[in-house]
PDB file of N, CA and C in Angstrom:
ATOM      1  N   MET A   1       9.865 -20.443 121.288  1.00  0.00           N
ATOM      2  CA  MET A   1       8.664 -20.750 120.561  1.00  0.00           C
ATOM      3  C   MET A   1       7.629 -21.289 121.530  1.00  0.00           C
ATOM      4  N   GLY A   2       6.476 -20.777 121.414  1.00  0.00           N
ATOM      5  CA  GLY A   2       5.387 -21.211 122.278  1.00  0.00           C
ATOM      6  C   GLY A   2       4.063 -20.794 121.678  1.00  0.00           C
ATOM      7  N   ARG A   3       3.074 -21.071 122.422  1.00  0.00           N
ATOM      8  CA  ARG A   3       1.740 -20.698 121.957  1.00  0.00           C
ATOM      9  C   ARG A   3       1.490 -19.228 122.195  1.00  0.00           C
ATOM     10  N   LYS A   4       0.674 -18.656 121.354  1.00  0.00           N
ATOM     11  CA  LYS A   4       0.280 -17.274 121.552  1.00  0.00           C
ATOM     12  C   LYS A   4      -0.657 -17.197 122.743  1.00  0.00           C
ATOM     13  N   LYS A   5      -0.452 -16.215 123.559  1.00  0.00           N
ATOM     14  CA  LYS A   5      -1.336 -16.035 124.695  1.00  0.00           C
ATOM     15  C   LYS A   5      -2.419 -15.050 124.306  1.00  0.00           C
ATOM     16  N   GLY A   6      -3.610 -15.354 124.700  1.00  0.00           N
ATOM     17  CA  GLY A   6      -4.729 -14.477 124.367  1.00  0.00           C
ATOM     18  C   GLY A   6      -5.987 -15.275 124.144  1.00  0.00           C
ATOM     19  N   VAL A   7      -6.982 -14.585 123.713  1.00  0.00           N
ATOM     20  CA  VAL A   7      -8.277 -15.200 123.497  1.00  0.00           C
ATOM     21  C   VAL A   7      -8.525 -15.326 121.999  1.00  0.00           C
ATOM     22  N   ALA A   8      -9.085 -16.452 121.598  1.00  0.00           N
ATOM     23  CA  ALA A   8      -9.410 -16.634 120.194  1.00  0.00           C
ATOM     24  C   ALA A   8     -10.499 -15.648 119.794  1.00  0.00           C
ATOM     25  N   GLU A   9     -10.341 -15.060 118.640  1.00  0.00           N
ATOM     26  CA  GLU A   9     -11.319 -14.091 118.171  1.00  0.00           C
ATOM     27  C   GLU A   9     -12.205 -14.732 117.119  1.00  0.00           C
ATOM     28  N   PHE A  10     -13.501 -14.536 117.256  1.00  0.00           N
ATOM     29  CA  PHE A  10     -14.449 -14.993 116.264  1.00  0.00           C
ATOM     30  C   PHE A  10     -15.651 -14.067 116.282  1.00  0.00           C
ATOM     31  N   GLU A  11     -16.379 -14.104 115.211  1.00  0.00           N
ATOM     32  CA  GLU A  11     -17.556 -13.249 115.078  1.00  0.00           C
ATOM     33  C   GLU A  11     -18.681 -13.821 115.937  1.00  0.00           C
ATOM     34  N   GLU A  12     -19.244 -13.016 116.819  1.00  0.00           N
ATOM     35  CA  GLU A  12     -20.271 -13.496 117.726  1.00  0.00           C
ATOM     36  C   GLU A  12     -21.678 -13.351 117.173  1.00  0.00           C
ATOM     37  N   SER A  13     -21.854 -12.608 116.107  1.00  0.00           N
ATOM     38  CA  SER A  13     -23.183 -12.408 115.551  1.00  0.00           C
ATOM     39  C   SER A  13     -23.382 -13.329 114.347  1.00  0.00           C
ATOM     40  N   PRO A  14     -24.648 -13.630 114.012  1.00  0.00           N
ATOM     41  CA  PRO A  14     -24.885 -14.471 112.835  1.00  0.00           C
ATOM     42  C   PRO A  14     -24.478 -13.735 111.565  1.00  0.00           C
ATOM     43  N   PRO A  15     -24.188 -14.471 110.512  1.00  0.00           N
ATOM     44  CA  PRO A  15     -23.762 -13.810 109.269  1.00  0.00           C
ATOM     45  C   PRO A  15     -24.879 -12.954 108.680  1.00  0.00           C
ATOM     46  N   ASP A  16     -24.500 -11.816 108.136  1.00  0.00           N
ATOM     47  CA  ASP A  16     -25.482 -10.891 107.579  1.00  0.00           C
ATOM     48  C   ASP A  16     -26.043 -11.376 106.242  1.00  0.00           C
ATOM     49  N   ASP A  17     -25.244 -12.118 105.486  1.00  0.00           N
ATOM     50  CA  ASP A  17     -25.663 -12.492 104.137  1.00  0.00           C
ATOM     51  C   ASP A  17     -26.348 -13.853 104.075  1.00  0.00           C
ATOM     52  N   PHE A  18     -26.758 -14.438 105.210  1.00  0.00           N
ATOM     53  CA  PHE A  18     -27.447 -15.722 105.218  1.00  0.00           C
ATOM     54  C   PHE A  18     -28.926 -15.503 104.920  1.00  0.00           C
ATOM     55  N   ASP A  19     -29.452 -16.260 103.962  1.00  0.00           N
ATOM     56  CA  ASP A  19     -30.862 -16.171 103.575  1.00  0.00           C
ATOM     57  C   ASP A  19     -31.564 -17.446 104.033  1.00  0.00           C
ATOM     58  N   PRO A  20     -32.408 -17.381 105.083  1.00  0.00           N
ATOM     59  CA  PRO A  20     -33.048 -18.602 105.587  1.00  0.00           C
ATOM     60  C   PRO A  20     -34.028 -19.232 104.592  1.00  0.00           C
ATOM     61  N   SER A  21     -34.578 -18.442 103.667  1.00  0.00           N
ATOM     62  CA  SER A  21     -35.501 -19.018 102.686  1.00  0.00           C
ATOM     63  C   SER A  21     -34.760 -19.839 101.622  1.00  0.00           C
ATOM     64  N   ASN A  22     -33.495 -19.510 101.377  1.00  0.00           N
ATOM     65  CA  ASN A  22     -32.676 -20.253 100.419  1.00  0.00           C
ATOM     66  C   ASN A  22     -31.285 -20.440 101.031  1.00  0.00           C
ATOM     67  N   PRO A  23     -31.142 -21.404 101.958  1.00  0.00           N
ATOM     68  CA  PRO A  23     -29.862 -21.526 102.677  1.00  0.00           C
ATOM     69  C   PRO A  23     -28.696 -21.977 101.813  1.00  0.00           C
ATOM     70  N   TYR A  24     -28.955 -22.645 100.695  1.00  0.00           N
ATOM     71  CA  TYR A  24     -27.871 -23.160  99.861  1.00  0.00           C
ATOM     72  C   TYR A  24     -27.392 -22.137  98.821  1.00  0.00           C
ATOM     73  N   LYS A  25     -27.962 -20.948  98.855  1.00  0.00           N
ATOM     74  CA  LYS A  25     -27.559 -19.912  97.904  1.00  0.00           C
ATOM     75  C   LYS A  25     -26.095 -19.528  98.112  1.00  0.00           C
ATOM     76  N   ASP A  26     -25.718 -19.344  99.378  1.00  0.00           N
ATOM     77  CA  ASP A  26     -24.342 -18.990  99.713  1.00  0.00           C
ATOM     78  C   ASP A  26     -23.806 -20.035 100.691  1.00  0.00           C
ATOM     79  N   PRO A  27     -23.014 -21.006 100.214  1.00  0.00           N
ATOM     80  CA  PRO A  27     -22.551 -22.082 101.092  1.00  0.00           C
ATOM     81  C   PRO A  27     -21.680 -21.591 102.248  1.00  0.00           C
ATOM     82  N   VAL A  28     -20.916 -20.538 102.036  1.00  0.00           N
ATOM     83  CA  VAL A  28     -20.061 -20.011 103.104  1.00  0.00           C
ATOM     84  C   VAL A  28     -20.922 -19.431 104.220  1.00  0.00           C
ATOM     85  N   ALA A  29     -21.953 -18.669 103.841  1.00  0.00           N
ATOM     86  CA  ALA A  29     -22.852 -18.096 104.841  1.00  0.00           C
ATOM     87  C   ALA A  29     -23.611 -19.197 105.572  1.00  0.00           C
ATOM     88  N   MET A  30     -23.953 -20.275 104.868  1.00  0.00           N
ATOM     89  CA  MET A  30     -24.651 -21.390 105.500  1.00  0.00           C
ATOM     90  C   MET A  30     -23.767 -22.042 106.565  1.00  0.00           C
ATOM     91  N   LEU A  31     -22.502 -22.254 106.230  1.00  0.00           N
ATOM     92  CA  LEU A  31     -21.596 -22.853 107.209  1.00  0.00           C
ATOM     93  C   LEU A  31     -21.346 -21.919 108.395  1.00  0.00           C
ATOM     94  N   GLU A  32     -21.234 -20.630 108.116  1.00  0.00           N
ATOM     95  CA  GLU A  32     -21.060 -19.677 109.212  1.00  0.00           C
ATOM     96  C   GLU A  32     -22.291 -19.657 110.113  1.00  0.00           C
ATOM     97  N   MET A  33     -23.478 -19.767 109.526  1.00  0.00           N
ATOM     98  CA  MET A  33     -24.705 -19.796 110.319  1.00  0.00           C
ATOM     99  C   MET A  33     -24.760 -21.062 111.152  1.00  0.00           C
ATOM    100  N   ARG A  34     -24.350 -22.178 110.579  1.00  0.00           N
ATOM    101  CA  ARG A  34     -24.332 -23.434 111.334  1.00  0.00           C
ATOM    102  C   ARG A  34     -23.367 -23.334 112.513  1.00  0.00           C
ATOM    103  N   GLU A  35     -22.192 -22.769 112.275  1.00  0.00           N
ATOM    104  CA  GLU A  35     -21.228 -22.591 113.359  1.00  0.00           C
ATOM    105  C   GLU A  35     -21.774 -21.669 114.439  1.00  0.00           C
ATOM    106  N   HIS A  36     -22.476 -20.625 114.029  1.00  0.00           N
ATOM    107  CA  HIS A  36     -23.072 -19.694 114.991  1.00  0.00           C
ATOM    108  C   HIS A  36     -24.113 -20.408 115.856  1.00  0.00           C
ATOM    109  N   ILE A  37     -24.977 -21.212 115.236  1.00  0.00           N
ATOM    110  CA  ILE A  37     -26.016 -21.930 115.983  1.00  0.00           C
ATOM    111  C   ILE A  37     -25.388 -22.914 116.958  1.00  0.00           C
ATOM    112  N   VAL A  38     -24.387 -23.651 116.505  1.00  0.00           N
ATOM    113  CA  VAL A  38     -23.723 -24.631 117.374  1.00  0.00           C
ATOM    114  C   VAL A  38     -23.025 -23.935 118.535  1.00  0.00           C
ATOM    115  N   ARG A  39     -22.364 -22.813 118.264  1.00  0.00           N
ATOM    116  CA  ARG A  39     -21.681 -22.073 119.315  1.00  0.00           C
ATOM    117  C   ARG A  39     -22.674 -21.569 120.357  1.00  0.00           C
ATOM    118  N   GLU A  40     -23.814 -21.042 119.913  1.00  0.00           N
ATOM    119  CA  GLU A  40     -24.821 -20.550 120.845  1.00  0.00           C
ATOM    120  C   GLU A  40     -25.413 -21.682 121.682  1.00  0.00           C
ATOM    121  N   LYS A  41     -25.613 -22.855 121.064  1.00  0.00           N
ATOM    122  CA  LYS A  41     -26.125 -24.004 121.823  1.00  0.00           C
ATOM    123  C   LYS A  41     -25.120 -24.450 122.876  1.00  0.00           C
ATOM    124  N   TRP A  42     -23.829 -24.485 122.527  1.00  0.00           N
ATOM    125  CA  TRP A  42     -22.818 -24.892 123.497  1.00  0.00           C
ATOM    126  C   TRP A  42     -22.735 -23.899 124.657  1.00  0.00           C
ATOM    127  N   ILE A  43     -22.876 -22.629 124.363  1.00  0.00           N
ATOM    128  CA  ILE A  43     -22.869 -21.621 125.434  1.00  0.00           C
ATOM    129  C   ILE A  43     -24.052 -21.850 126.368  1.00  0.00           C
ATOM    130  N   ALA A  44     -25.230 -22.112 125.796  1.00  0.00           N
ATOM    131  CA  ALA A  44     -26.416 -22.359 126.615  1.00  0.00           C
ATOM    132  C   ALA A  44     -26.258 -23.634 127.446  1.00  0.00           C
ATOM    133  N   ILE A  45     -25.642 -24.662 126.873  1.00  0.00           N
ATOM    134  CA  ILE A  45     -25.427 -25.913 127.607  1.00  0.00           C
ATOM    135  C   ILE A  45     -24.475 -25.687 128.778  1.00  0.00           C
ATOM    136  N   GLU A  46     -23.406 -24.939 128.554  1.00  0.00           N
ATOM    137  CA  GLU A  46     -22.452 -24.684 129.639  1.00  0.00           C
ATOM    138  C   GLU A  46     -23.069 -23.836 130.746  1.00  0.00           C
ATOM    139  N   LYS A  47     -23.925 -22.875 130.384  1.00  0.00           N
ATOM    140  CA  LYS A  47     -24.626 -22.091 131.401  1.00  0.00           C
ATOM    141  C   LYS A  47     -25.520 -22.990 132.250  1.00  0.00           C
ATOM    142  N   ALA A  48     -26.212 -23.936 131.588  1.00  0.00           N
ATOM    143  CA  ALA A  48     -27.068 -24.870 132.323  1.00  0.00           C
ATOM    144  C   ALA A  48     -26.241 -25.754 133.253  1.00  0.00           C
ATOM    145  N   LYS A  49     -25.048 -26.158 132.828  1.00  0.00           N
ATOM    146  CA  LYS A  49     -24.183 -26.972 133.688  1.00  0.00           C
ATOM    147  C   LYS A  49     -23.754 -26.195 134.927  1.00  0.00           C
ATOM    148  N   ILE A  50     -23.441 -24.923 134.753  1.00  0.00           N
ATOM    149  CA  ILE A  50     -23.046 -24.091 135.891  1.00  0.00           C
ATOM    150  C   ILE A  50     -24.202 -23.957 136.865  1.00  0.00           C
ATOM    151  N   LEU A  51     -25.400 -23.717 136.349  1.00  0.00           N
ATOM    152  CA  LEU A  51     -26.569 -23.621 137.225  1.00  0.00           C
ATOM    153  C   LEU A  51     -26.848 -24.943 137.934  1.00  0.00           C
ATOM    154  N   ARG A  52     -26.627 -26.061 137.246  1.00  0.00           N
ATOM    155  CA  ARG A  52     -26.831 -27.366 137.874  1.00  0.00           C
ATOM    156  C   ARG A  52     -25.867 -27.571 139.040  1.00  0.00           C
ATOM    157  N   GLU A  53     -24.622 -27.160 138.873  1.00  0.00           N
ATOM    158  CA  GLU A  53     -23.655 -27.285 139.965  1.00  0.00           C
ATOM    159  C   GLU A  53     -24.041 -26.401 141.151  1.00  0.00           C
ATOM    160  N   ARG A  54     -24.509 -25.186 140.872  1.00  0.00           N
ATOM    161  CA  ARG A  54     -24.971 -24.307 141.957  1.00  0.00           C
ATOM    162  C   ARG A  54     -26.162 -24.928 142.679  1.00  0.00           C
ATOM    163  N   LEU A  55     -27.053 -25.556 141.921  1.00  0.00           N
ATOM    164  CA  LEU A  55     -28.226 -26.197 142.519  1.00  0.00           C
ATOM    165  C   LEU A  55     -27.819 -27.377 143.394  1.00  0.00           C
ATOM    166  N   ARG A  56     -26.880 -28.180 142.940  1.00  0.00           N
ATOM    167  CA  ARG A  56     -26.381 -29.290 143.771  1.00  0.00           C
ATOM    168  C   ARG A  56     -25.787 -28.764 145.076  1.00  0.00           C
ATOM    169  N   TRP A  57     -25.001 -27.701 144.958  1.00  0.00           N
ATOM    170  CA  TRP A  57     -24.388 -27.118 146.149  1.00  0.00           C
ATOM    171  C   TRP A  57     -25.466 -26.610 147.104  1.00  0.00           C
ATOM    172  N   CYS A  58     -26.482 -25.956 146.573  1.00  0.00           N
ATOM    173  CA  CYS A  58     -27.561 -25.413 147.396  1.00  0.00           C
ATOM    174  C   CYS A  58     -28.313 -26.541 148.092  1.00  0.00           C
ATOM    175  N   TYR A  59     -28.620 -27.630 147.389  1.00  0.00           N
ATOM    176  CA  TYR A  59     -29.299 -28.765 148.009  1.00  0.00           C
ATOM    177  C   TYR A  59     -28.469 -29.326 149.155  1.00  0.00           C
ATOM    178  N   ARG A  60     -27.170 -29.441 148.931  1.00  0.00           N
ATOM    179  CA  ARG A  60     -26.293 -30.035 149.935  1.00  0.00           C
ATOM    180  C   ARG A  60     -26.177 -29.130 151.162  1.00  0.00           C
ATOM    181  N   VAL A  61     -26.090 -27.833 150.955  1.00  0.00           N
ATOM    182  CA  VAL A  61     -25.905 -26.897 152.066  1.00  0.00           C
ATOM    183  C   VAL A  61     -27.200 -26.689 152.841  1.00  0.00           C
ATOM    184  N   GLU A  62     -28.310 -26.527 152.151  1.00  0.00           N
ATOM    185  CA  GLU A  62     -29.566 -26.171 152.810  1.00  0.00           C
ATOM    186  C   GLU A  62     -30.257 -27.359 153.469  1.00  0.00           C
ATOM    187  N   GLY A  63     -29.978 -28.567 153.040  1.00  0.00           N
ATOM    188  CA  GLY A  63     -30.581 -29.735 153.665  1.00  0.00           C
ATOM    189  C   GLY A  63     -32.085 -29.786 153.455  1.00  0.00           C
ATOM    190  N   VAL A  64     -32.831 -29.910 154.567  1.00  0.00           N
ATOM    191  CA  VAL A  64     -34.277 -30.077 154.465  1.00  0.00           C
ATOM    192  C   VAL A  64     -34.977 -28.793 154.011  1.00  0.00           C
ATOM    193  N   ASN A  65     -34.319 -27.668 154.089  1.00  0.00           N
ATOM    194  CA  ASN A  65     -34.928 -26.406 153.671  1.00  0.00           C
ATOM    195  C   ASN A  65     -34.709 -26.089 152.200  1.00  0.00           C
ATOM    196  N   HIS A  66     -34.208 -27.054 151.445  1.00  0.00           N
ATOM    197  CA  HIS A  66     -33.859 -26.764 150.058  1.00  0.00           C
ATOM    198  C   HIS A  66     -35.077 -26.420 149.201  1.00  0.00           C
ATOM    199  N   HIS A  67     -36.277 -26.845 149.600  1.00  0.00           N
ATOM    200  CA  HIS A  67     -37.465 -26.520 148.802  1.00  0.00           C
ATOM    201  C   HIS A  67     -37.705 -25.013 148.754  1.00  0.00           C
ATOM    202  N   GLN A  68     -37.494 -24.330 149.882  1.00  0.00           N
ATOM    203  CA  GLN A  68     -37.702 -22.887 149.897  1.00  0.00           C
ATOM    204  C   GLN A  68     -36.448 -22.127 149.468  1.00  0.00           C
ATOM    205  N   LYS A  69     -35.299 -22.543 149.940  1.00  0.00           N
ATOM    206  CA  LYS A  69     -34.073 -21.775 149.728  1.00  0.00           C
ATOM    207  C   LYS A  69     -33.508 -21.906 148.320  1.00  0.00           C
ATOM    208  N   CYS A  70     -33.783 -23.001 147.633  1.00  0.00           N
ATOM    209  CA  CYS A  70     -33.191 -23.239 146.314  1.00  0.00           C
ATOM    210  C   CYS A  70     -34.204 -23.110 145.179  1.00  0.00           C
ATOM    211  N   ARG A  71     -35.403 -22.647 145.475  1.00  0.00           N
ATOM    212  CA  ARG A  71     -36.447 -22.561 144.451  1.00  0.00           C
ATOM    213  C   ARG A  71     -36.022 -21.676 143.281  1.00  0.00           C
ATOM    214  N   HIS A  72     -35.378 -20.553 143.569  1.00  0.00           N
ATOM    215  CA  HIS A  72     -34.963 -19.650 142.489  1.00  0.00           C
ATOM    216  C   HIS A  72     -33.957 -20.321 141.557  1.00  0.00           C
ATOM    217  N   LEU A  73     -33.068 -21.148 142.118  1.00  0.00           N
ATOM    218  CA  LEU A  73     -32.102 -21.858 141.274  1.00  0.00           C
ATOM    219  C   LEU A  73     -32.784 -22.926 140.431  1.00  0.00           C
ATOM    220  N   VAL A  74     -33.798 -23.584 140.999  1.00  0.00           N
ATOM    221  CA  VAL A  74     -34.530 -24.593 140.238  1.00  0.00           C
ATOM    222  C   VAL A  74     -35.214 -23.945 139.041  1.00  0.00           C
ATOM    223  N   GLU A  75     -35.846 -22.796 139.279  1.00  0.00           N
ATOM    224  CA  GLU A  75     -36.531 -22.104 138.181  1.00  0.00           C
ATOM    225  C   GLU A  75     -35.540 -21.638 137.114  1.00  0.00           C
ATOM    226  N   GLN A  76     -34.396 -21.127 137.539  1.00  0.00           N
ATOM    227  CA  GLN A  76     -33.380 -20.701 136.567  1.00  0.00           C
ATOM    228  C   GLN A  76     -32.852 -21.884 135.775  1.00  0.00           C
ATOM    229  N   TYR A  77     -32.624 -23.009 136.454  1.00  0.00           N
ATOM    230  CA  TYR A  77     -32.091 -24.196 135.790  1.00  0.00           C
ATOM    231  C   TYR A  77     -33.096 -24.744 134.776  1.00  0.00           C
ATOM    232  N   LEU A  78     -34.365 -24.843 135.182  1.00  0.00           N
ATOM    233  CA  LEU A  78     -35.371 -25.359 134.257  1.00  0.00           C
ATOM    234  C   LEU A  78     -35.537 -24.440 133.048  1.00  0.00           C
ATOM    235  N   GLU A  79     -35.500 -23.143 133.275  1.00  0.00           N
ATOM    236  CA  GLU A  79     -35.615 -22.201 132.165  1.00  0.00           C
ATOM    237  C   GLU A  79     -34.388 -22.280 131.252  1.00  0.00           C
ATOM    238  N   SER A  80     -33.212 -22.499 131.833  1.00  0.00           N
ATOM    239  CA  SER A  80     -32.003 -22.560 131.005  1.00  0.00           C
ATOM    240  C   SER A  80     -31.930 -23.845 130.190  1.00  0.00           C
ATOM    241  N   THR A  81     -32.562 -24.925 130.655  1.00  0.00           N
ATOM    242  CA  THR A  81     -32.521 -26.175 129.899  1.00  0.00           C
ATOM    243  C   THR A  81     -33.597 -26.250 128.836  1.00  0.00           C
ATOM    244  N   ARG A  82     -34.549 -25.355 128.868  1.00  0.00           N
ATOM    245  CA  ARG A  82     -35.630 -25.384 127.878  1.00  0.00           C
ATOM    246  C   ARG A  82     -35.103 -24.896 126.525  1.00  0.00           C
ATOM    247  N   GLY A  83     -35.186 -25.766 125.532  1.00  0.00           N
ATOM    248  CA  GLY A  83     -34.832 -25.372 124.179  1.00  0.00           C
ATOM    249  C   GLY A  83     -33.359 -25.474 123.825  1.00  0.00           C
ATOM    250  N   ILE A  84     -32.525 -26.112 124.660  1.00  0.00           N
ATOM    251  CA  ILE A  84     -31.113 -26.180 124.305  1.00  0.00           C
ATOM    252  C   ILE A  84     -30.696 -27.560 123.834  1.00  0.00           C
ATOM    253  N   GLY A  85     -31.616 -28.496 123.796  1.00  0.00           N
ATOM    254  CA  GLY A  85     -31.270 -29.842 123.357  1.00  0.00           C
ATOM    255  C   GLY A  85     -31.053 -29.904 121.862  1.00  0.00           C
ATOM    256  N   TRP A  86     -30.544 -31.024 121.417  1.00  0.00           N
ATOM    257  CA  TRP A  86     -30.267 -31.193 119.993  1.00  0.00           C
ATOM    258  C   TRP A  86     -31.449 -31.811 119.273  1.00  0.00           C
ATOM    259  N   GLY A  87     -32.521 -32.158 119.995  1.00  0.00           N
ATOM    260  CA  GLY A  87     -33.728 -32.664 119.359  1.00  0.00           C
ATOM    261  C   GLY A  87     -33.692 -34.134 119.008  1.00  0.00           C
ATOM    262  N   LYS A  88     -32.839 -34.919 119.652  1.00  0.00           N
ATOM    263  CA  LYS A  88     -32.729 -36.331 119.318  1.00  0.00           C
ATOM    264  C   LYS A  88     -33.267 -37.232 120.429  1.00  0.00           C
ATOM    265  N   ASP A  89     -33.982 -36.680 121.376  1.00  0.00           N
ATOM    266  CA  ASP A  89     -34.462 -37.495 122.488  1.00  0.00           C
ATOM    267  C   ASP A  89     -35.946 -37.807 122.383  1.00  0.00           C
ATOM    268  N   HIS A  90     -36.565 -37.542 121.250  1.00  0.00           N
ATOM    269  CA  HIS A  90     -37.945 -37.892 120.941  1.00  0.00           C
ATOM    270  C   HIS A  90     -38.962 -37.250 121.872  1.00  0.00           C
ATOM    271  N   ARG A  91     -38.616 -36.104 122.444  1.00  0.00           N
ATOM    272  CA  ARG A  91     -39.605 -35.356 123.210  1.00  0.00           C
ATOM    273  C   ARG A  91     -40.429 -34.523 122.243  1.00  0.00           C
ATOM    274  N   PRO A  92     -41.630 -34.125 122.656  1.00  0.00           N
ATOM    275  CA  PRO A  92     -42.414 -33.241 121.774  1.00  0.00           C
ATOM    276  C   PRO A  92     -41.665 -31.930 121.518  1.00  0.00           C
ATOM    277  N   HIS A  93     -41.907 -31.328 120.362  1.00  0.00           N
ATOM    278  CA  HIS A  93     -41.208 -30.101 119.980  1.00  0.00           C
ATOM    279  C   HIS A  93     -41.517 -28.952 120.918  1.00  0.00           C
ATOM    280  N   SER A  94     -42.656 -29.009 121.597  1.00  0.00           N
ATOM    281  CA  SER A  94     -42.992 -27.923 122.519  1.00  0.00           C
ATOM    282  C   SER A  94     -42.006 -27.850 123.675  1.00  0.00           C
ATOM    283  N   PHE A  95     -41.355 -28.955 124.021  1.00  0.00           N
ATOM    284  CA  PHE A  95     -40.365 -28.943 125.096  1.00  0.00           C
ATOM    285  C   PHE A  95     -39.028 -28.386 124.633  1.00  0.00           C
ATOM    286  N   HIS A  96     -38.756 -28.421 123.324  1.00  0.00           N
ATOM    287  CA  HIS A  96     -37.469 -27.967 122.819  1.00  0.00           C
ATOM    288  C   HIS A  96     -37.415 -26.469 122.584  1.00  0.00           C
ATOM    289  N   GLY A  97     -38.543 -25.877 122.303  1.00  0.00           N
ATOM    290  CA  GLY A  97     -38.561 -24.463 121.960  1.00  0.00           C
ATOM    291  C   GLY A  97     -38.517 -23.584 123.191  1.00  0.00           C
ATOM    292  N   PRO A  98     -38.451 -22.287 122.978  1.00  0.00           N
ATOM    293  CA  PRO A  98     -38.480 -21.372 124.119  1.00  0.00           C
ATOM    294  C   PRO A  98     -39.825 -21.435 124.819  1.00  0.00           C
ATOM    295  N   LYS A  99     -39.822 -21.056 126.062  1.00  0.00           N
ATOM    296  CA  LYS A  99     -41.029 -21.137 126.875  1.00  0.00           C
ATOM    297  C   LYS A  99     -42.104 -20.211 126.303  1.00  0.00           C
ATOM    298  N   VAL A 100     -43.288 -20.762 126.109  1.00  0.00           N
ATOM    299  CA  VAL A 100     -44.408 -19.992 125.588  1.00  0.00           C
ATOM    300  C   VAL A 100     -45.311 -19.620 126.746  1.00  0.00           C
ATOM    301  N   GLU A 101     -45.513 -18.335 126.918  1.00  0.00           N
ATOM    302  CA  GLU A 101     -46.376 -17.865 127.987  1.00  0.00           C
ATOM    303  C   GLU A 101     -47.830 -18.139 127.617  1.00  0.00           C
ATOM    304  N   ALA A 102     -48.585 -18.576 128.599  1.00  0.00           N
ATOM    305  CA  ALA A 102     -49.999 -18.849 128.360  1.00  0.00           C
ATOM    306  C   ALA A 102     -50.740 -17.538 128.115  1.00  0.00           C
ATOM    307  N   VAL A 103     -51.468 -17.502 127.036  1.00  0.00           N
ATOM    308  CA  VAL A 103     -52.226 -16.304 126.685  1.00  0.00           C
ATOM    309  C   VAL A 103     -53.666 -16.520 127.140  1.00  0.00           C
ATOM    310  N   GLU A 104     -54.128 -15.631 127.980  1.00  0.00           N
ATOM    311  CA  GLU A 104     -55.496 -15.730 128.492  1.00  0.00           C
ATOM    312  C   GLU A 104     -56.434 -15.101 127.478  1.00  0.00           C
ATOM    313  N   SER A 105     -57.416 -15.882 127.093  1.00  0.00           N
ATOM    314  CA  SER A 105     -58.392 -15.351 126.131  1.00  0.00           C
ATOM    315  C   SER A 105     -59.549 -14.728 126.906  1.00  0.00           C
ATOM    316  N   GLU A 106     -59.961 -13.588 126.465  1.00  0.00           N
ATOM    317  CA  GLU A 106     -61.060 -12.892 127.117  1.00  0.00           C
ATOM    318  C   GLU A 106     -62.352 -13.267 126.425  1.00  0.00           C
ATOM    319  N   GLU A 107     -63.223 -13.924 127.160  1.00  0.00           N
ATOM    320  CA  GLU A 107     -64.496 -14.356 126.591  1.00  0.00           C
ATOM    321  C   GLU A 107     -65.633 -13.712 127.299  1.00  0.00           C
TER     322      GLU A 107
END
């Protein structure tokens, strides 16, 4: 007797029957949607942790040249941390959402 070897199987896509305008209509779909959102946030957090470790390694290896050599990792890390928080740190909502590209108005 032992544990089963293998990977846990779960649905990776959001539930099809979830209605965002009336989330309490189907409680099962609401819970599945909540689990989906939490799972996606945890995946994004772990990706950011991996990038942070790569950035630390790059800073340590490159020394004084880290400004030029590690710039791409800094940009990836900052982009990966944008919008993955849980919203409890009292930052403005613009910092929590996905990056909004500046739209140039033609005047």
